[in-house]
N, C-alpha and C. Protein backbone atom coordinates (compact mmCIF):
# COMPACT_ATOMS: atom_id res chain seq x y z
N UNK A 1 99.05 45.25 66.04
CA UNK A 1 100.27 45.44 66.79
C UNK A 1 100.69 46.91 66.80
N UNK A 2 100.53 47.59 65.65
CA UNK A 2 100.86 49.01 65.58
C UNK A 2 99.98 49.82 66.52
N UNK A 3 98.74 49.41 66.62
CA UNK A 3 97.80 50.13 67.48
C UNK A 3 98.24 50.04 68.94
N UNK A 4 98.68 48.89 69.38
CA UNK A 4 99.15 48.73 70.76
C UNK A 4 100.39 49.57 71.02
N UNK A 5 101.29 49.61 70.08
CA UNK A 5 102.51 50.42 70.23
C UNK A 5 102.14 51.89 70.31
N UNK A 6 101.22 52.33 69.45
CA UNK A 6 100.79 53.72 69.48
C UNK A 6 100.09 54.05 70.79
N UNK A 7 99.28 53.12 71.30
CA UNK A 7 98.60 53.34 72.58
C UNK A 7 99.61 53.47 73.71
N UNK A 8 100.62 52.63 73.70
CA UNK A 8 101.66 52.69 74.74
C UNK A 8 102.44 53.99 74.64
N UNK A 9 102.78 54.41 73.42
CA UNK A 9 103.51 55.67 73.23
C UNK A 9 102.66 56.87 73.67
N UNK A 10 101.38 56.85 73.33
CA UNK A 10 100.50 57.94 73.76
C UNK A 10 100.40 58.00 75.29
N UNK A 11 100.27 56.84 75.89
CA UNK A 11 100.19 56.78 77.36
C UNK A 11 101.49 57.28 77.98
N UNK A 12 102.61 56.92 77.38
CA UNK A 12 103.91 57.37 77.88
C UNK A 12 104.03 58.89 77.76
N UNK A 13 103.58 59.47 76.65
CA UNK A 13 103.61 60.93 76.47
C UNK A 13 102.73 61.61 77.51
N UNK A 14 101.54 61.03 77.76
CA UNK A 14 100.62 61.62 78.72
C UNK A 14 101.22 61.60 80.14
N UNK A 15 101.81 60.48 80.50
CA UNK A 15 102.42 60.34 81.83
C UNK A 15 103.60 61.30 81.96
N UNK A 16 104.41 61.40 80.92
CA UNK A 16 105.57 62.29 80.95
C UNK A 16 105.13 63.75 81.09
N UNK A 17 104.09 64.14 80.36
CA UNK A 17 103.56 65.50 80.46
C UNK A 17 103.00 65.77 81.86
N UNK A 18 102.32 64.80 82.42
CA UNK A 18 101.76 64.96 83.77
C UNK A 18 102.87 65.09 84.80
N UNK A 19 103.94 64.31 84.63
CA UNK A 19 105.06 64.40 85.57
C UNK A 19 105.76 65.75 85.46
N UNK A 20 105.89 66.26 84.24
CA UNK A 20 106.53 67.57 84.04
C UNK A 20 105.68 68.66 84.68
N UNK A 21 104.37 68.59 84.51
CA UNK A 21 103.48 69.58 85.10
C UNK A 21 103.55 69.51 86.63
N UNK A 22 103.61 68.32 87.16
CA UNK A 22 103.70 68.14 88.60
C UNK A 22 105.03 68.68 89.12
N UNK A 23 106.10 68.48 88.38
CA UNK A 23 107.41 68.97 88.77
C UNK A 23 107.42 70.50 88.78
N UNK A 24 106.80 71.14 87.79
CA UNK A 24 106.71 72.59 87.75
C UNK A 24 105.91 73.11 88.95
N UNK A 25 104.85 72.41 89.29
CA UNK A 25 104.03 72.80 90.43
C UNK A 25 104.82 72.65 91.72
N UNK A 26 105.58 71.59 91.85
CA UNK A 26 106.39 71.37 93.05
C UNK A 26 107.45 72.45 93.20
N UNK A 27 108.03 72.90 92.11
CA UNK A 27 109.04 73.95 92.15
C UNK A 27 108.42 75.24 92.70
N UNK A 28 107.23 75.57 92.25
CA UNK A 28 106.55 76.76 92.71
C UNK A 28 106.24 76.66 94.21
N UNK A 29 105.81 75.51 94.64
CA UNK A 29 105.52 75.31 96.07
C UNK A 29 106.79 75.46 96.90
N UNK A 30 107.89 74.94 96.41
CA UNK A 30 109.16 75.05 97.14
C UNK A 30 109.59 76.51 97.23
N UNK A 31 109.46 77.26 96.15
CA UNK A 31 109.84 78.68 96.15
C UNK A 31 109.00 79.45 97.17
N UNK A 32 107.69 79.23 97.18
CA UNK A 32 106.83 79.92 98.15
C UNK A 32 107.13 79.48 99.58
N UNK A 33 107.47 78.23 99.77
CA UNK A 33 107.82 77.74 101.11
C UNK A 33 109.08 78.42 101.62
N UNK A 34 110.07 78.56 100.76
CA UNK A 34 111.32 79.23 101.16
C UNK A 34 111.05 80.69 101.51
N UNK A 35 110.25 81.38 100.70
CA UNK A 35 109.91 82.78 100.98
C UNK A 35 109.17 82.88 102.32
N UNK A 36 108.26 81.96 102.57
CA UNK A 36 107.52 81.96 103.83
C UNK A 36 108.43 81.73 105.02
N UNK A 37 109.36 80.81 104.90
CA UNK A 37 110.30 80.52 105.99
C UNK A 37 111.17 81.73 106.28
N UNK A 38 111.64 82.40 105.24
CA UNK A 38 112.46 83.60 105.43
C UNK A 38 111.64 84.70 106.12
N UNK A 39 110.38 84.87 105.71
CA UNK A 39 109.53 85.89 106.33
C UNK A 39 109.28 85.59 107.80
N UNK A 40 109.02 84.34 108.12
CA UNK A 40 108.78 83.96 109.51
C UNK A 40 110.05 84.18 110.34
N UNK A 41 111.20 83.84 109.79
CA UNK A 41 112.46 84.05 110.51
C UNK A 41 112.70 85.54 110.76
N UNK A 42 112.37 86.38 109.79
CA UNK A 42 112.53 87.83 109.95
C UNK A 42 111.61 88.36 111.05
N UNK A 43 110.38 87.89 111.08
CA UNK A 43 109.44 88.33 112.12
C UNK A 43 109.91 87.89 113.50
N UNK A 44 110.38 86.67 113.61
CA UNK A 44 110.87 86.18 114.90
C UNK A 44 112.09 86.99 115.35
N UNK A 45 112.99 87.28 114.43
CA UNK A 45 114.17 88.08 114.77
C UNK A 45 113.77 89.47 115.23
N UNK A 46 112.79 90.08 114.58
CA UNK A 46 112.33 91.41 114.97
C UNK A 46 111.69 91.39 116.36
N UNK A 47 110.88 90.38 116.62
CA UNK A 47 110.23 90.28 117.94
C UNK A 47 111.27 90.08 119.04
N UNK A 48 112.26 89.23 118.81
CA UNK A 48 113.31 89.01 119.79
C UNK A 48 114.10 90.30 120.00
N UNK A 49 114.40 91.01 118.93
CA UNK A 49 115.13 92.28 119.04
C UNK A 49 114.35 93.28 119.87
N UNK A 50 113.05 93.42 119.59
CA UNK A 50 112.23 94.38 120.34
C UNK A 50 112.10 93.96 121.81
N UNK A 51 112.07 92.67 122.08
CA UNK A 51 111.96 92.19 123.45
C UNK A 51 113.25 92.44 124.23
N UNK A 52 114.38 92.27 123.59
CA UNK A 52 115.66 92.44 124.27
C UNK A 52 116.17 93.87 124.27
N UNK A 53 115.61 94.71 123.45
CA UNK A 53 116.02 96.11 123.38
C UNK A 53 115.65 96.80 124.69
N UNK A 54 116.61 97.48 125.35
CA UNK A 54 116.28 98.14 126.60
C UNK A 54 115.32 99.31 126.36
N UNK A 55 114.45 99.52 127.31
CA UNK A 55 113.48 100.60 127.21
C UNK A 55 114.03 101.81 127.96
N UNK A 56 114.55 102.76 127.24
CA UNK A 56 115.16 103.93 127.85
C UNK A 56 114.12 104.91 128.39
N UNK A 57 112.90 104.80 127.94
CA UNK A 57 111.88 105.75 128.37
C UNK A 57 111.40 105.48 129.80
N UNK A 58 111.59 104.28 130.32
CA UNK A 58 111.19 103.99 131.68
C UNK A 58 112.04 104.77 132.68
N UNK A 59 113.31 104.95 132.40
CA UNK A 59 114.21 105.64 133.31
C UNK A 59 114.12 107.15 133.17
N UNK A 60 113.42 107.63 132.20
CA UNK A 60 113.37 109.05 131.90
C UNK A 60 112.13 109.66 132.54
N UNK A 61 112.34 110.59 133.46
CA UNK A 61 111.23 111.26 134.12
C UNK A 61 111.20 112.69 133.61
N UNK A 62 110.33 112.96 132.66
CA UNK A 62 110.34 114.27 132.00
C UNK A 62 109.84 115.38 132.90
N UNK A 63 109.05 115.09 133.92
CA UNK A 63 108.56 116.15 134.79
C UNK A 63 109.70 116.81 135.55
N UNK A 64 110.58 116.01 136.12
CA UNK A 64 111.68 116.56 136.90
C UNK A 64 112.65 117.34 136.03
N UNK A 65 112.96 116.82 134.89
CA UNK A 65 113.94 117.46 134.02
C UNK A 65 113.45 118.82 133.54
N UNK A 66 112.24 118.87 133.04
CA UNK A 66 111.75 120.13 132.50
C UNK A 66 111.39 121.13 133.59
N UNK A 67 110.83 120.67 134.69
CA UNK A 67 110.48 121.59 135.77
C UNK A 67 111.71 122.21 136.40
N UNK A 68 112.73 121.42 136.65
CA UNK A 68 113.94 121.94 137.27
C UNK A 68 114.61 122.96 136.36
N UNK A 69 114.73 122.64 135.11
CA UNK A 69 115.37 123.57 134.19
C UNK A 69 114.55 124.84 134.03
N UNK A 70 113.27 124.73 133.99
CA UNK A 70 112.42 125.90 133.81
C UNK A 70 112.48 126.79 135.04
N UNK A 71 112.47 126.17 136.22
CA UNK A 71 112.57 126.96 137.46
C UNK A 71 113.90 127.68 137.54
N UNK A 72 114.97 127.00 137.16
CA UNK A 72 116.29 127.62 137.17
C UNK A 72 116.35 128.79 136.20
N UNK A 73 115.75 128.64 135.04
CA UNK A 73 115.75 129.72 134.05
C UNK A 73 114.94 130.91 134.55
N UNK A 74 113.83 130.65 135.23
CA UNK A 74 113.01 131.74 135.77
C UNK A 74 113.80 132.51 136.83
N UNK A 75 114.51 131.79 137.68
CA UNK A 75 115.28 132.45 138.73
C UNK A 75 116.40 133.29 138.13
N UNK A 76 117.08 132.73 137.12
CA UNK A 76 118.17 133.45 136.48
C UNK A 76 117.67 134.69 135.75
N UNK A 77 116.47 134.60 135.17
CA UNK A 77 115.95 135.72 134.39
C UNK A 77 115.21 136.73 135.27
N UNK A 78 114.95 136.35 136.51
CA UNK A 78 114.25 137.26 137.41
C UNK A 78 112.76 137.34 137.14
N UNK A 79 112.19 136.28 136.54
CA UNK A 79 110.77 136.26 136.23
C UNK A 79 110.01 135.84 137.48
N UNK A 80 108.91 136.55 137.76
CA UNK A 80 108.09 136.20 138.91
C UNK A 80 107.30 134.95 138.61
N UNK A 81 107.09 134.14 139.63
CA UNK A 81 106.34 132.90 139.49
C UNK A 81 104.84 133.25 139.47
N UNK A 82 104.14 132.94 138.36
CA UNK A 82 102.73 133.32 138.29
C UNK A 82 101.84 132.57 139.28
N UNK A 83 102.29 131.42 139.75
CA UNK A 83 101.50 130.64 140.69
C UNK A 83 101.76 131.07 142.13
N UNK A 84 102.76 131.84 142.36
CA UNK A 84 103.07 132.34 143.69
C UNK A 84 103.63 131.29 144.61
N UNK A 85 104.31 130.30 144.09
CA UNK A 85 104.85 129.22 144.92
C UNK A 85 106.15 129.62 145.58
N UNK A 86 106.80 130.64 145.12
CA UNK A 86 108.13 130.94 145.64
C UNK A 86 108.12 131.94 146.72
């Protein structure tokens, strides 16, 4: 009779230890899942932000701005045009 009780107690200890180990493993999985969800949400937010952000460079024509200013400065300074366009 003592042997059966000891066998049952040993089995109970083994099952309890296995459940505790499984619970620890589940906690780790949950922590990594939460970190992954937060990372995915951050990436999605960044992509949406970049998609909705207006592109100011499309409206900017650097050739006209720099050429006009440079030509005006040449005229004001009295510098001759080396290409002879004037």
